[in-house]
N, C-alpha and C. Protein backbone atom coordinates (compact mmCIF):
# COMPACT_ATOMS: atom_id res chain seq x y z
N MET A 1 103.93 81.05 67.68
CA MET A 1 105.02 81.11 68.63
C MET A 1 105.20 82.50 69.21
N LYS A 2 104.92 83.51 68.44
CA LYS A 2 105.09 84.86 68.94
C LYS A 2 104.19 85.14 70.12
N GLU A 3 103.00 84.53 70.14
CA GLU A 3 102.08 84.72 71.26
C GLU A 3 102.69 84.21 72.56
N GLN A 4 103.43 83.13 72.51
CA GLN A 4 104.04 82.56 73.71
C GLN A 4 105.19 83.41 74.22
N ASN A 5 105.85 84.15 73.34
CA ASN A 5 107.00 84.95 73.72
C ASN A 5 106.62 86.31 74.30
N LYS A 6 105.36 86.70 74.15
CA LYS A 6 104.93 87.99 74.67
C LYS A 6 104.95 87.97 76.19
N LYS A 7 105.45 89.05 76.75
CA LYS A 7 105.44 89.19 78.20
C LYS A 7 104.06 89.63 78.65
N THR A 8 103.61 89.08 79.76
CA THR A 8 102.35 89.53 80.31
C THR A 8 102.61 90.74 81.18
N ARG A 9 101.65 91.63 81.21
CA ARG A 9 101.79 92.82 82.05
C ARG A 9 101.74 92.43 83.50
N ARG A 10 102.58 93.04 84.27
CA ARG A 10 102.61 92.76 85.70
C ARG A 10 101.54 93.53 86.43
N TYR A 11 101.17 94.68 85.90
CA TYR A 11 100.14 95.52 86.49
C TYR A 11 99.64 96.47 85.42
N THR A 12 98.48 97.03 85.64
CA THR A 12 97.89 97.95 84.68
C THR A 12 98.16 99.39 85.09
N THR A 13 97.95 100.27 84.15
CA THR A 13 98.09 101.70 84.43
C THR A 13 97.09 102.12 85.50
N ALA A 14 95.88 101.57 85.42
CA ALA A 14 94.85 101.89 86.41
C ALA A 14 95.29 101.46 87.81
N GLN A 15 95.95 100.33 87.91
CA GLN A 15 96.44 99.87 89.21
C GLN A 15 97.50 100.81 89.76
N ILE A 16 98.39 101.28 88.92
CA ILE A 16 99.44 102.20 89.37
C ILE A 16 98.82 103.52 89.83
N VAL A 17 97.82 104.01 89.10
CA VAL A 17 97.14 105.24 89.49
C VAL A 17 96.50 105.05 90.86
N GLN A 18 95.81 103.93 91.06
CA GLN A 18 95.17 103.65 92.34
C GLN A 18 96.21 103.50 93.46
N LEU A 19 97.31 102.85 93.16
CA LEU A 19 98.39 102.66 94.14
C LEU A 19 98.96 104.00 94.59
N VAL A 20 99.26 104.86 93.65
CA VAL A 20 99.82 106.18 93.97
C VAL A 20 98.81 107.00 94.76
N ASP A 21 97.56 106.96 94.34
CA ASP A 21 96.52 107.71 95.04
C ASP A 21 96.37 107.21 96.48
N TYR A 22 96.35 105.91 96.66
CA TYR A 22 96.19 105.34 98.00
C TYR A 22 97.38 105.70 98.89
N MET A 23 98.58 105.59 98.33
CA MET A 23 99.78 105.91 99.10
C MET A 23 99.84 107.39 99.47
N SER A 24 99.37 108.25 98.58
CA SER A 24 99.39 109.68 98.90
C SER A 24 98.39 110.02 99.99
N ASN A 25 97.31 109.27 100.07
CA ASN A 25 96.31 109.50 101.11
C ASN A 25 96.59 108.74 102.40
N HIS A 26 97.50 107.80 102.36
CA HIS A 26 97.86 106.99 103.53
C HIS A 26 99.38 107.01 103.68
N SER A 27 99.91 108.14 104.05
CA SER A 27 101.36 108.31 104.11
C SER A 27 102.03 107.36 105.10
N GLU A 28 101.29 106.95 106.14
CA GLU A 28 101.87 106.02 107.11
C GLU A 28 102.15 104.67 106.45
N LEU A 29 101.35 104.29 105.46
CA LEU A 29 101.60 103.04 104.74
C LEU A 29 102.82 103.19 103.84
N ALA A 30 102.91 104.31 103.17
CA ALA A 30 104.04 104.56 102.27
C ALA A 30 105.37 104.56 103.01
N SER A 31 105.35 105.09 104.25
CA SER A 31 106.59 105.14 105.03
C SER A 31 106.75 103.93 105.94
N SER A 32 105.71 103.09 106.00
CA SER A 32 105.69 101.90 106.87
C SER A 32 105.85 102.27 108.34
N ARG A 33 105.33 103.41 108.71
CA ARG A 33 105.44 103.87 110.11
C ARG A 33 104.08 104.18 110.68
N PHE A 34 103.79 103.58 111.79
CA PHE A 34 102.57 103.85 112.54
C PHE A 34 102.99 104.25 113.94
N SER A 35 102.19 105.05 114.58
CA SER A 35 102.56 105.55 115.90
C SER A 35 102.01 104.70 117.05
N SER A 36 101.28 103.64 116.75
CA SER A 36 100.70 102.83 117.81
C SER A 36 101.49 101.54 118.01
N PRO A 37 101.34 100.91 119.16
CA PRO A 37 102.08 99.68 119.43
C PRO A 37 101.64 98.49 118.56
N ILE A 38 100.45 98.55 118.00
CA ILE A 38 100.01 97.45 117.15
C ILE A 38 100.21 97.80 115.67
N SER A 39 101.31 98.43 115.39
CA SER A 39 101.57 98.95 114.06
C SER A 39 101.63 97.86 112.99
N ASN A 40 102.19 96.73 113.29
CA ASN A 40 102.28 95.68 112.28
C ASN A 40 100.90 95.20 111.85
N ASP A 41 99.97 95.09 112.78
CA ASP A 41 98.61 94.69 112.44
C ASP A 41 97.94 95.73 111.55
N LYS A 42 98.11 97.00 111.90
CA LYS A 42 97.54 98.07 111.09
C LYS A 42 98.17 98.10 109.70
N LEU A 43 99.46 97.91 109.66
CA LEU A 43 100.18 97.91 108.39
C LEU A 43 99.67 96.79 107.50
N ASP A 44 99.52 95.59 108.06
CA ASP A 44 99.01 94.45 107.30
C ASP A 44 97.59 94.70 106.80
N CYS A 45 96.76 95.29 107.64
CA CYS A 45 95.37 95.59 107.25
C CYS A 45 95.33 96.60 106.11
N GLN A 46 96.19 97.60 106.17
CA GLN A 46 96.25 98.60 105.10
C GLN A 46 96.67 97.96 103.78
N TRP A 47 97.68 97.10 103.83
CA TRP A 47 98.14 96.42 102.62
C TRP A 47 97.06 95.52 102.04
N GLU A 48 96.33 94.82 102.90
CA GLU A 48 95.23 93.97 102.44
C GLU A 48 94.15 94.80 101.76
N ALA A 49 93.80 95.93 102.36
CA ALA A 49 92.79 96.81 101.78
C ALA A 49 93.25 97.33 100.42
N LEU A 50 94.50 97.73 100.34
CA LEU A 50 95.05 98.23 99.08
C LEU A 50 95.05 97.13 98.02
N ALA A 51 95.44 95.93 98.38
CA ALA A 51 95.47 94.81 97.43
C ALA A 51 94.07 94.53 96.87
N LYS A 52 93.05 94.63 97.71
CA LYS A 52 91.67 94.42 97.25
C LYS A 52 91.24 95.49 96.27
N ILE A 53 91.64 96.72 96.52
CA ILE A 53 91.32 97.82 95.61
C ILE A 53 92.01 97.60 94.27
N LEU A 54 93.27 97.25 94.31
CA LEU A 54 94.04 97.07 93.08
C LEU A 54 93.57 95.87 92.27
N GLU A 55 93.07 94.86 92.95
CA GLU A 55 92.59 93.65 92.29
C GLU A 55 91.43 93.96 91.33
N LYS A 56 90.67 95.00 91.65
CA LYS A 56 89.52 95.38 90.82
C LYS A 56 89.95 95.99 89.49
N HIS A 57 91.21 96.41 89.38
CA HIS A 57 91.67 97.14 88.20
C HIS A 57 92.67 96.37 87.34
N GLY A 58 92.89 95.11 87.64
CA GLY A 58 93.82 94.35 86.81
C GLY A 58 94.22 93.05 87.45
N PRO A 59 95.40 92.53 87.06
CA PRO A 59 95.85 91.23 87.56
C PRO A 59 95.94 91.18 89.08
N LYS A 60 95.57 90.03 89.62
CA LYS A 60 95.62 89.84 91.07
C LYS A 60 97.05 89.55 91.50
N LYS A 61 97.45 90.17 92.60
CA LYS A 61 98.77 89.95 93.18
C LYS A 61 98.60 89.78 94.68
N THR A 62 99.59 89.17 95.29
CA THR A 62 99.60 89.05 96.74
C THR A 62 100.09 90.36 97.34
N VAL A 63 99.92 90.51 98.63
CA VAL A 63 100.42 91.70 99.32
C VAL A 63 101.93 91.79 99.15
N ALA A 64 102.62 90.68 99.27
CA ALA A 64 104.08 90.67 99.11
C ALA A 64 104.48 91.16 97.72
N GLN A 65 103.73 90.77 96.70
CA GLN A 65 104.03 91.22 95.34
C GLN A 65 103.78 92.71 95.18
N TRP A 66 102.71 93.23 95.79
CA TRP A 66 102.44 94.67 95.70
C TRP A 66 103.48 95.48 96.44
N LYS A 67 104.02 94.94 97.51
CA LYS A 67 105.06 95.67 98.24
C LYS A 67 106.29 95.88 97.37
N ILE A 68 106.57 94.95 96.50
CA ILE A 68 107.71 95.07 95.59
C ILE A 68 107.44 96.15 94.54
N VAL A 69 106.21 96.19 94.03
CA VAL A 69 105.84 97.19 93.03
C VAL A 69 106.02 98.58 93.62
């Protein structure tokens, strides 16, 4: 029964390291601000790219779930 009560990790330490590194190198994603008129498309593409990187280091999440993290 104790196995069932254990919480599963939502993300790994490696994922958080990758997330912080990506955000520090892509400040426009961290601030959600782009200077072009097609900013939403660029923003979505950046989040998709980040989600693919993070997927390699632990549990898979959707873009919406990563935005919450």
